[in-house]
């Protein structure tokens, strides 16, 4: 639960001219509220469906699964509900996609940060210099990613899961 709220990653654009150097930091939970805004039509069915799918399969099912396991380990499950409880625990385990979402996020962000997103020609760098009045640093736009504590806490918590 804690790992969902800790900063998972900070994404920052490095450009030849001055931009916001702070970047955007998000947690796995905070990303759920960001999903519709990544769409060209934030209120569309597709954007809302993507958000609901993320919340259900990445955030909710893992907590329900772990809660059910805690009840099974430390509580009393009536003998007539053991078969149903076991089946539900197996289903929630199969539907929990937090590990997949975390792994995908790490791989995608690491891949994005390892390439030059846009490489500018020397002529374009001269145009930027004349427009901004400062000498461009570098020859393109890069995406910089720093993984936060949320990634490591979730990885440690999901390893036994």
Protein backbone atom coordinates (compact mmCIF):
# COMPACT_ATOMS: atom_id res chain seq x y z
CA UNK A 1 0.00 0.00 0.00
CA UNK A 2 2.77 2.43 0.92
CA UNK A 3 4.66 1.80 -2.32
CA UNK A 4 1.63 2.89 -4.34
CA UNK A 5 1.82 6.37 -2.82
CA UNK A 6 5.59 6.92 -2.87
CA UNK A 7 7.11 8.69 -5.89
CA UNK A 8 7.67 6.07 -8.58
CA UNK A 9 9.42 8.15 -11.23
CA UNK A 10 10.35 11.67 -12.24
CA UNK A 11 10.31 12.49 -15.93
CA UNK A 12 12.13 15.58 -17.16
CA UNK A 13 12.81 16.94 -20.66
CA UNK A 14 16.31 18.18 -21.39
CA UNK A 15 16.28 20.55 -24.32
CA UNK A 16 18.88 22.78 -25.94
CA UNK A 17 17.13 25.82 -24.44
CA UNK A 18 15.85 26.41 -20.93
CA UNK A 19 12.72 24.51 -19.95
CA UNK A 20 11.22 23.52 -16.64
CA UNK A 21 14.06 21.58 -14.97
CA UNK A 22 11.89 20.06 -12.25
CA UNK A 23 10.00 17.58 -14.39
CA UNK A 24 6.91 15.63 -13.41
CA UNK A 25 6.91 13.19 -10.52
CA UNK A 26 4.17 10.61 -10.11
CA UNK A 27 3.31 7.60 -7.99
CA UNK A 28 1.46 4.51 -9.14
CA UNK A 29 -1.67 5.90 -7.44
CA UNK A 30 -1.17 9.41 -8.85
CA UNK A 31 -0.76 7.99 -12.34
CA UNK A 32 -4.33 6.68 -12.16
CA UNK A 33 -5.62 10.27 -12.06
CA UNK A 34 -3.26 11.30 -14.87
CA UNK A 35 -4.46 8.67 -17.38
CA UNK A 36 -7.45 10.56 -18.88
CA UNK A 37 -5.30 13.67 -19.41
CA UNK A 38 -2.90 11.66 -21.59
CA UNK A 39 -5.70 11.24 -24.12
CA UNK A 40 -6.57 13.76 -26.80
CA UNK A 41 -10.18 13.42 -25.54
CA UNK A 42 -10.00 13.13 -21.73
CA UNK A 43 -13.74 12.56 -21.22
CA UNK A 44 -14.09 9.89 -23.89
CA UNK A 45 -15.16 6.33 -23.17
CA UNK A 46 -11.70 5.02 -24.09
CA UNK A 47 -9.93 7.34 -21.66
CA UNK A 48 -12.29 6.54 -18.79
CA UNK A 49 -12.16 2.81 -19.59
CA UNK A 50 -8.35 2.89 -19.50
CA UNK A 51 -8.44 4.64 -16.13
CA UNK A 52 -10.97 2.20 -14.64
CA UNK A 53 -9.02 -0.78 -15.98
CA UNK A 54 -5.79 0.53 -14.45
CA UNK A 55 -7.43 1.21 -11.07
CA UNK A 56 -9.15 -2.18 -10.91
CA UNK A 57 -6.32 -4.41 -12.12
CA UNK A 58 -3.26 -2.52 -10.89
CA UNK A 59 -4.44 -0.91 -7.65
CA UNK A 60 -7.48 -2.72 -6.28
CA UNK A 61 -7.03 -6.44 -7.02
CA UNK A 62 -3.62 -6.74 -5.36
CA UNK A 63 -4.94 -5.15 -2.18
CA UNK A 64 -8.05 -7.36 -2.19
CA UNK A 65 -5.86 -10.43 -2.73
CA UNK A 66 -3.50 -9.55 0.10
CA UNK A 67 -6.43 -8.67 2.38
CA UNK A 68 -8.08 -12.01 1.65
CA UNK A 69 -4.82 -13.82 2.39
CA UNK A 70 -4.52 -11.99 5.71
CA UNK A 71 -8.06 -12.99 6.63
CA UNK A 72 -7.29 -16.57 5.65
CA UNK A 73 -4.04 -16.69 7.62
CA UNK A 74 -5.02 -14.82 10.76
CA UNK A 75 -8.80 -15.08 10.84
CA UNK A 76 -11.31 -17.85 10.93
CA UNK A 77 -12.79 -18.89 7.61
CA UNK A 78 -15.84 -21.12 8.03
CA UNK A 79 -15.31 -24.59 6.62
CA UNK A 80 -18.16 -24.17 4.14
CA UNK A 81 -16.42 -21.08 2.63
CA UNK A 82 -12.88 -22.47 2.34
CA UNK A 83 -13.35 -23.69 -1.25
CA UNK A 84 -14.89 -20.35 -2.35
CA UNK A 85 -12.23 -18.34 -0.51
CA UNK A 86 -9.46 -20.37 -2.12
CA UNK A 87 -10.98 -19.92 -5.56
CA UNK A 88 -11.36 -16.17 -5.00
CA UNK A 89 -7.75 -15.89 -3.79
CA UNK A 90 -6.50 -17.69 -6.91
CA UNK A 91 -8.62 -15.47 -9.15
CA UNK A 92 -7.45 -12.25 -7.50
CA UNK A 93 -3.85 -13.42 -7.75
CA UNK A 94 -4.28 -14.06 -11.48
CA UNK A 95 -5.99 -10.71 -12.08
CA UNK A 96 -3.52 -8.65 -10.09
CA UNK A 97 -1.44 -6.75 -12.63
CA UNK A 98 0.62 -4.51 -10.34
CA UNK A 99 3.82 -6.44 -11.11
CA UNK A 100 3.15 -6.22 -14.85
CA UNK A 101 2.41 -2.48 -14.66
CA UNK A 102 5.54 -1.81 -12.59
CA UNK A 103 7.78 -3.86 -14.89
CA UNK A 104 6.31 -2.27 -18.00
CA UNK A 105 6.72 1.22 -16.57
CA UNK A 106 10.37 0.61 -15.68
CA UNK A 107 11.20 -0.90 -19.09
CA UNK A 108 9.39 1.78 -21.11
CA UNK A 109 10.85 4.69 -19.15
CA UNK A 110 14.34 3.21 -19.27
CA UNK A 111 13.99 2.75 -23.03
CA UNK A 112 12.69 6.28 -23.58
CA UNK A 113 15.52 7.77 -21.55
CA UNK A 114 18.21 5.90 -23.48
CA UNK A 115 17.58 7.55 -26.87
CA UNK A 116 17.66 11.06 -28.27
CA UNK A 117 14.00 11.88 -28.83
CA UNK A 118 14.68 14.68 -31.30
CA UNK A 119 18.04 15.49 -32.81
CA UNK A 120 18.41 19.03 -34.12
CA UNK A 121 20.56 19.96 -37.08
CA UNK A 122 23.27 22.64 -36.71
CA UNK A 123 21.04 25.06 -38.63
CA UNK A 124 18.19 24.53 -36.16
CA UNK A 125 20.58 25.03 -33.24
CA UNK A 126 21.60 28.37 -34.79
CA UNK A 127 17.94 29.37 -35.13
CA UNK A 128 17.32 28.46 -31.49
CA UNK A 129 20.34 30.48 -30.44
CA UNK A 130 19.12 33.53 -32.34
CA UNK A 131 15.55 33.18 -30.97
CA UNK A 132 16.44 32.62 -27.33
CA UNK A 133 19.63 34.59 -27.03
CA UNK A 134 21.44 31.68 -25.40
CA UNK A 135 23.76 29.07 -26.78
CA UNK A 136 21.96 25.71 -27.00
CA UNK A 137 23.40 23.00 -24.76
CA UNK A 138 23.41 19.70 -26.62
CA UNK A 139 21.97 18.84 -29.97
CA UNK A 140 18.52 17.48 -29.17
CA UNK A 141 15.73 16.85 -26.75
CA UNK A 142 16.21 14.00 -24.26
CA UNK A 143 13.89 12.47 -21.73
CA UNK A 144 15.52 12.02 -18.33
CA UNK A 145 14.00 9.53 -15.92
CA UNK A 146 14.81 9.05 -12.24
CA UNK A 147 13.11 6.17 -10.45
CA UNK A 148 11.87 6.96 -6.96
CA UNK A 149 11.42 5.02 -3.75
CA UNK A 150 8.00 3.78 -4.86
CA UNK A 151 9.55 1.58 -7.54
CA UNK A 152 11.93 -0.09 -5.11
CA UNK A 153 9.34 -0.55 -2.36
CA UNK A 154 6.85 -2.04 -4.82
CA UNK A 155 9.51 -4.29 -6.36
CA UNK A 156 10.44 -5.61 -2.92
CA UNK A 157 6.79 -6.10 -2.00
CA UNK A 158 5.83 -7.72 -5.30
CA UNK A 159 8.77 -10.13 -5.41
CA UNK A 160 7.17 -12.58 -2.96
CA UNK A 161 3.70 -11.92 -4.41
